[in-house]
C-alpha atoms as a PDB file:
ATOM      1  CA  MET A   1      13.904   6.113   9.635  1.00  0.00           C
ATOM      2  CA  GLY A   2      11.733   4.499   6.617  1.00  0.00           C
ATOM      3  CA  LEU A   3      11.001   1.076   5.196  1.00  0.00           C
ATOM      4  CA  LYS A   4      13.295  -1.746   5.817  1.00  0.00           C
ATOM      5  CA  VAL A   5      14.214  -4.944   3.528  1.00  0.00           C
ATOM      6  CA  GLY A   6      11.878  -7.278   3.257  1.00  0.00           C
ATOM      7  CA  GLU A   7       9.270  -4.972   4.303  1.00  0.00           C
ATOM      8  CA  ARG A   8       5.871  -4.745   2.393  1.00  0.00           C
ATOM      9  CA  VAL A   9       4.995  -1.381   1.341  1.00  0.00           C
ATOM     10  CA  PRO A  10       2.070  -0.175   3.311  1.00  0.00           C
ATOM     11  CA  GLU A  11      -1.212  -0.047   0.734  1.00  0.00           C
ATOM     12  CA  ALA A  12      -2.293   3.511  -0.666  1.00  0.00           C
ATOM     13  CA  ARG A  13      -4.376   5.676  -3.317  1.00  0.00           C
ATOM     14  CA  LEU A  14      -2.023   8.034  -4.770  1.00  0.00           C
ATOM     15  CA  LEU A  15      -3.228  10.762  -7.366  1.00  0.00           C
ATOM     16  CA  ARG A  16      -2.403  11.522 -10.681  1.00  0.00           C
ATOM     17  CA  MET A  17      -4.320  13.031 -13.681  1.00  0.00           C
ATOM     18  CA  GLY A  18      -5.831  11.006 -16.212  1.00  0.00           C
ATOM     19  CA  GLU A  19      -7.438  11.712 -19.865  1.00  0.00           C
ATOM     20  CA  ARG A  20     -10.474  12.744 -17.466  1.00  0.00           C
ATOM     21  CA  GLY A  21      -9.090  14.516 -15.007  1.00  0.00           C
ATOM     22  CA  VAL A  22      -7.845  13.080 -11.655  1.00  0.00           C
ATOM     23  CA  GLU A  23      -8.225   9.625 -11.055  1.00  0.00           C
ATOM     24  CA  GLY A  24      -6.739   7.273  -8.254  1.00  0.00           C
ATOM     25  CA  VAL A  25      -4.032   4.875  -8.178  1.00  0.00           C
ATOM     26  CA  ASP A  26      -3.868   2.106  -5.602  1.00  0.00           C
ATOM     27  CA  SER A  27      -0.518   1.070  -5.063  1.00  0.00           C
ATOM     28  CA  ARG A  28      -1.303  -2.619  -4.495  1.00  0.00           C
ATOM     29  CA  GLU A  29      -1.538  -2.695  -8.460  1.00  0.00           C
ATOM     30  CA  LEU A  30       1.375  -0.130  -8.904  1.00  0.00           C
ATOM     31  CA  LEU A  31       3.342  -2.044  -7.783  1.00  0.00           C
ATOM     32  CA  GLY A  32       2.194  -5.494  -7.412  1.00  0.00           C
ATOM     33  CA  GLY A  33       3.790  -7.904  -9.590  1.00  0.00           C
ATOM     34  CA  ARG A  34       6.739  -5.989 -11.090  1.00  0.00           C
ATOM     35  CA  ARG A  35       9.688  -4.804 -10.351  1.00  0.00           C
ATOM     36  CA  VAL A  36       9.909  -0.330  -9.617  1.00  0.00           C
ATOM     37  CA  VAL A  37      12.283   1.988  -8.522  1.00  0.00           C
ATOM     38  CA  LEU A  38      10.074   4.437  -6.250  1.00  0.00           C
ATOM     39  CA  PHE A  39      11.610   7.772  -4.525  1.00  0.00           C
ATOM     40  CA  GLY A  40       9.656  10.008  -2.795  1.00  0.00           C
ATOM     41  CA  LEU A  41      11.385  13.980  -2.437  1.00  0.00           C
ATOM     42  CA  PRO A  42       9.524  16.904  -0.563  1.00  0.00           C
ATOM     43  CA  GLY A  43       7.687  18.459  -3.483  1.00  0.00           C
ATOM     44  CA  ALA A  44       7.662  19.428  -6.550  1.00  0.00           C
ATOM     45  CA  TYR A  45       9.047  22.854  -7.957  1.00  0.00           C
ATOM     46  CA  THR A  46      11.149  23.169  -4.673  1.00  0.00           C
ATOM     47  CA  GLY A  47      14.820  23.252  -4.868  1.00  0.00           C
ATOM     48  CA  THR A  48      16.882  20.672  -4.614  1.00  0.00           C
ATOM     49  CA  CYS A  49      13.620  18.076  -6.164  1.00  0.00           C
ATOM     50  CA  SER A  50      14.189  20.605  -9.157  1.00  0.00           C
ATOM     51  CA  THR A  51      17.289  20.705 -10.156  1.00  0.00           C
ATOM     52  CA  ALA A  52      19.201  17.274  -8.406  1.00  0.00           C
ATOM     53  CA  HIS A  53      17.011  15.009  -7.424  1.00  0.00           C
ATOM     54  CA  LEU A  54      14.056  14.531 -10.650  1.00  0.00           C
ATOM     55  CA  PRO A  55      16.948  15.059 -12.848  1.00  0.00           C
ATOM     56  CA  SER A  56      19.092  11.908 -11.685  1.00  0.00           C
ATOM     57  CA  PHE A  57      15.989   9.820 -12.321  1.00  0.00           C
ATOM     58  CA  VAL A  58      15.603  11.478 -15.753  1.00  0.00           C
ATOM     59  CA  ARG A  59      19.026  10.737 -16.862  1.00  0.00           C
ATOM     60  CA  VAL A  60      19.346   6.655 -15.865  1.00  0.00           C
ATOM     61  CA  ARG A  61      16.045   5.953 -16.718  1.00  0.00           C
ATOM     62  CA  ASP A  62      16.564   3.938 -19.724  1.00  0.00           C
ATOM     63  CA  ARG A  63      19.294   2.176 -17.766  1.00  0.00           C
ATOM     64  CA  LEU A  64      17.394   1.286 -14.704  1.00  0.00           C
ATOM     65  CA  GLY A  65      15.758   0.025 -17.599  1.00  0.00           C
ATOM     66  CA  ALA A  66      17.619  -2.177 -19.170  1.00  0.00           C
ATOM     67  CA  LYS A  67      18.704  -3.063 -15.610  1.00  0.00           C
ATOM     68  CA  GLY A  68      15.119  -4.509 -15.421  1.00  0.00           C
ATOM     69  CA  VAL A  69      13.352  -2.246 -13.750  1.00  0.00           C
ATOM     70  CA  ASP A  70       9.650  -2.063 -15.112  1.00  0.00           C
ATOM     71  CA  ALA A  71       8.507   1.384 -13.800  1.00  0.00           C
ATOM     72  CA  VAL A  72       9.777   4.822 -12.399  1.00  0.00           C
ATOM     73  CA  VAL A  73       7.628   6.732  -9.842  1.00  0.00           C
ATOM     74  CA  CYS A  74       8.065   9.780  -7.879  1.00  0.00           C
ATOM     75  CA  VAL A  75       5.697  10.170  -5.502  1.00  0.00           C
ATOM     76  CA  ALA A  76       5.280  13.718  -3.617  1.00  0.00           C
ATOM     77  CA  GLY A  77       3.521  15.888  -1.307  1.00  0.00           C
ATOM     78  CA  ASN A  78       1.161  17.724  -3.768  1.00  0.00           C
ATOM     79  CA  ASP A  79      -1.535  17.408  -5.651  1.00  0.00           C
ATOM     80  CA  ALA A  80      -2.099  15.977  -9.181  1.00  0.00           C
ATOM     81  CA  TRP A  81      -2.361  19.196 -11.575  1.00  0.00           C
ATOM     82  CA  VAL A  82       1.281  20.124 -10.048  1.00  0.00           C
ATOM     83  CA  MET A  83       3.080  16.867 -10.470  1.00  0.00           C
ATOM     84  CA  ARG A  84       1.107  16.833 -14.283  1.00  0.00           C
ATOM     85  CA  ALA A  85       2.849  19.999 -14.559  1.00  0.00           C
ATOM     86  CA  TRP A  86       5.994  19.365 -13.143  1.00  0.00           C
ATOM     87  CA  GLY A  87       6.964  16.215 -14.959  1.00  0.00           C
ATOM     88  CA  GLU A  88       5.742  17.992 -18.448  1.00  0.00           C
ATOM     89  CA  ALA A  89       8.226  21.224 -17.462  1.00  0.00           C
ATOM     90  CA  THR A  90      11.050  18.794 -16.536  1.00  0.00           C
ATOM     91  CA  GLY A  91      10.915  16.152 -19.364  1.00  0.00           C
ATOM     92  CA  ALA A  92      10.025  13.315 -16.187  1.00  0.00           C
ATOM     93  CA  ALA A  93       7.116  12.655 -18.229  1.00  0.00           C
ATOM     94  CA  ALA A  94       8.726  12.527 -21.389  1.00  0.00           C
ATOM     95  CA  ALA A  95      11.101   9.974 -20.062  1.00  0.00           C
ATOM     96  CA  GLY A  96       9.004   7.808 -19.118  1.00  0.00           C
ATOM     97  CA  ILE A  97       8.801   8.437 -15.301  1.00  0.00           C
ATOM     98  CA  THR A  98       5.363   8.515 -13.310  1.00  0.00           C
ATOM     99  CA  LEU A  99       4.850  11.071 -11.328  1.00  0.00           C
ATOM    100  CA  LEU A 100       2.161  11.046  -8.620  1.00  0.00           C
ATOM    101  CA  GLY A 101       0.918  13.002  -5.801  1.00  0.00           C
ATOM    102  CA  GLU A 102       0.150  12.125  -1.979  1.00  0.00           C
ATOM    103  CA  PRO A 103      -1.009  15.393  -0.214  1.00  0.00           C
ATOM    104  CA  SER A 104      -2.835  13.743   2.842  1.00  0.00           C
ATOM    105  CA  GLY A 105       0.851  12.472   4.138  1.00  0.00           C
ATOM    106  CA  ASP A 106      -0.784   9.237   5.153  1.00  0.00           C
ATOM    107  CA  TRP A 107       1.025   7.205   2.801  1.00  0.00           C
ATOM    108  CA  PHE A 108       4.433   8.947   4.689  1.00  0.00           C
ATOM    109  CA  ARG A 109       3.441   8.589   7.958  1.00  0.00           C
ATOM    110  CA  ALA A 110       2.510   4.733   7.106  1.00  0.00           C
ATOM    111  CA  MET A 111       6.625   4.101   5.436  1.00  0.00           C
ATOM    112  CA  ASP A 112       7.629   6.692   8.602  1.00  0.00           C
ATOM    113  CA  VAL A 113       9.359   9.153   6.318  1.00  0.00           C
ATOM    114  CA  ALA A 114       6.915  12.074   6.837  1.00  0.00           C
ATOM    115  CA  MET A 115       8.103  15.486   7.232  1.00  0.00           C
ATOM    116  CA  GLU A 116       6.933  19.146   8.617  1.00  0.00           C
ATOM    117  CA  ALA A 117       8.578  21.793   7.763  1.00  0.00           C
ATOM    118  CA  PRO A 118       6.086  24.856   8.478  1.00  0.00           C
ATOM    119  CA  ALA A 119       8.317  27.423   8.416  1.00  0.00           C
ATOM    120  CA  VAL A 120       8.538  27.090   4.239  1.00  0.00           C
ATOM    121  CA  GLY A 121       5.228  25.847   4.037  1.00  0.00           C
ATOM    122  CA  PHE A 122       5.819  22.085   3.824  1.00  0.00           C
ATOM    123  CA  HIS A 123       3.384  20.141   5.326  1.00  0.00           C
ATOM    124  CA  ASN A 124       2.446  16.392   4.913  1.00  0.00           C
ATOM    125  CA  ARG A 125       5.551  15.840   2.878  1.00  0.00           C
ATOM    126  CA  CYS A 126       8.205  13.036   2.565  1.00  0.00           C
ATOM    127  CA  ARG A 127      11.675  13.098   3.337  1.00  0.00           C
ATOM    128  CA  ARG A 128      14.271  12.435   0.848  1.00  0.00           C
ATOM    129  CA  PHE A 129      14.348   8.403  -0.091  1.00  0.00           C
ATOM    130  CA  SER A 130      14.598   6.188  -2.648  1.00  0.00           C
ATOM    131  CA  ALA A 131      13.555   2.417  -2.819  1.00  0.00           C
ATOM    132  CA  LEU A 132      13.452  -0.818  -5.062  1.00  0.00           C
ATOM    133  CA  ILE A 133      10.647  -2.473  -4.885  1.00  0.00           C
ATOM    134  CA  GLU A 134       9.767  -6.089  -6.349  1.00  0.00           C
ATOM    135  CA  ASP A 135       5.922  -7.663  -5.927  1.00  0.00           C
ATOM    136  CA  GLY A 136       5.273  -4.756  -3.298  1.00  0.00           C
ATOM    137  CA  VAL A 137       8.142  -5.893  -1.121  1.00  0.00           C
ATOM    138  CA  VAL A 138      11.191  -3.662  -0.454  1.00  0.00           C
ATOM    139  CA  ARG A 139      14.248  -4.523  -1.827  1.00  0.00           C
ATOM    140  CA  LEU A 140      17.031  -1.663  -1.461  1.00  0.00           C
ATOM    141  CA  TRP A 141      15.650   1.475   0.345  1.00  0.00           C
ATOM    142  CA  PHE A 142      18.332   4.859   1.068  1.00  0.00           C
ATOM    143  CA  GLU A 143      17.220   8.085   2.916  1.00  0.00           C
ATOM    144  CA  GLU A 144      19.458  10.990   2.652  1.00  0.00           C
ATOM    145  CA  ALA A 145      20.599  12.784   5.919  1.00  0.00           C
ATOM    146  CA  GLY A 146      19.619  15.962   6.249  1.00  0.00           C
ATOM    147  CA  PRO A 147      17.827  18.168   4.050  1.00  0.00           C
ATOM    148  CA  GLY A 148      18.785  19.712   0.597  1.00  0.00           C
ATOM    149  CA  VAL A 149      21.223  16.570  -0.003  1.00  0.00           C
ATOM    150  CA  CYS A 150      20.446  14.289  -2.948  1.00  0.00           C
ATOM    151  CA  GLU A 151      22.972  11.313  -2.862  1.00  0.00           C
ATOM    152  CA  ALA A 152      22.333   8.526  -1.491  1.00  0.00           C
ATOM    153  CA  THR A 153      19.143   8.730  -3.227  1.00  0.00           C
ATOM    154  CA  ALA A 154      19.889   9.926  -6.975  1.00  0.00           C
ATOM    155  CA  GLY A 155      19.278   8.007  -9.956  1.00  0.00           C
ATOM    156  CA  GLU A 156      22.598   7.266  -9.855  1.00  0.00           C
ATOM    157  CA  ALA A 157      23.099   5.210  -6.133  1.00  0.00           C
ATOM    158  CA  MET A 158      20.388   3.730  -7.322  1.00  0.00           C
ATOM    159  CA  LEU A 159      21.749   2.652 -10.706  1.00  0.00           C
ATOM    160  CA  ALA A 160      25.165   1.678  -8.777  1.00  0.00           C
ATOM    161  CA  ALA A 161      23.398  -0.405  -5.837  1.00  0.00           C
ATOM    162  CA  LEU A 162      21.302  -2.159  -8.697  1.00  0.00           C
ATOM    163  CA  ASP A 163      24.920  -2.969 -10.504  1.00  0.00           C
ATOM    164  CA  GLY A 164      26.101  -4.104  -6.638  1.00  0.00           C
ATOM    165  CA  THR A 165      22.700  -6.197  -6.344  1.00  0.00           C
ATOM    166  CA  GLN A 166      23.175  -7.970  -9.975  1.00  0.00           C
ATOM    167  CA  ALA A 167      27.069  -8.494  -8.839  1.00  0.00           C
ATOM    168  CA  ALA A 168      26.009 -10.181  -6.171  1.00  0.00           C
ATOM    169  CA  ALA A 169      23.467 -11.987  -7.318  1.00  0.00           C
ATOM    170  CA  ALA A 170      25.650 -13.584  -9.789  1.00  0.00           C
ATOM    171  CA  SER A 171      28.472 -14.739  -7.765  1.00  0.00           C
END
């Protein structure tokens, strides 16, 4: 069922491509001291991930920033090379979305979003989720009810949820 509101995101070492090759990214540094929209999906270059989930965050990236989101981060069970290529191919990197790999699946298991679908070659992957993280703590958490669906975890859904939380905070 994934993380719950109020829980701290587990620590992990994620991967990205840097100027000198693969670099580790400490989740505490990534999520600490700022407001981050984090979303996870089964894999780069896969159907719903490429046609719906990632594009939804590309569409709303600027509006999320206007709502006080410091970073938008996508994580998938791929390596750093694939995540960089996918970010470039989709325009996500140019839109300011950070794409990170988590090929071991350890972080996904720690967050209780791990999934396996060997029939389609998915090992060490995650179920589709999105979250608002503030200083490492979950403030909003959404998961999809099943595979191949991107509604509750789409960028537009996160934007609407932020509108709701800001309206509630203002009243």
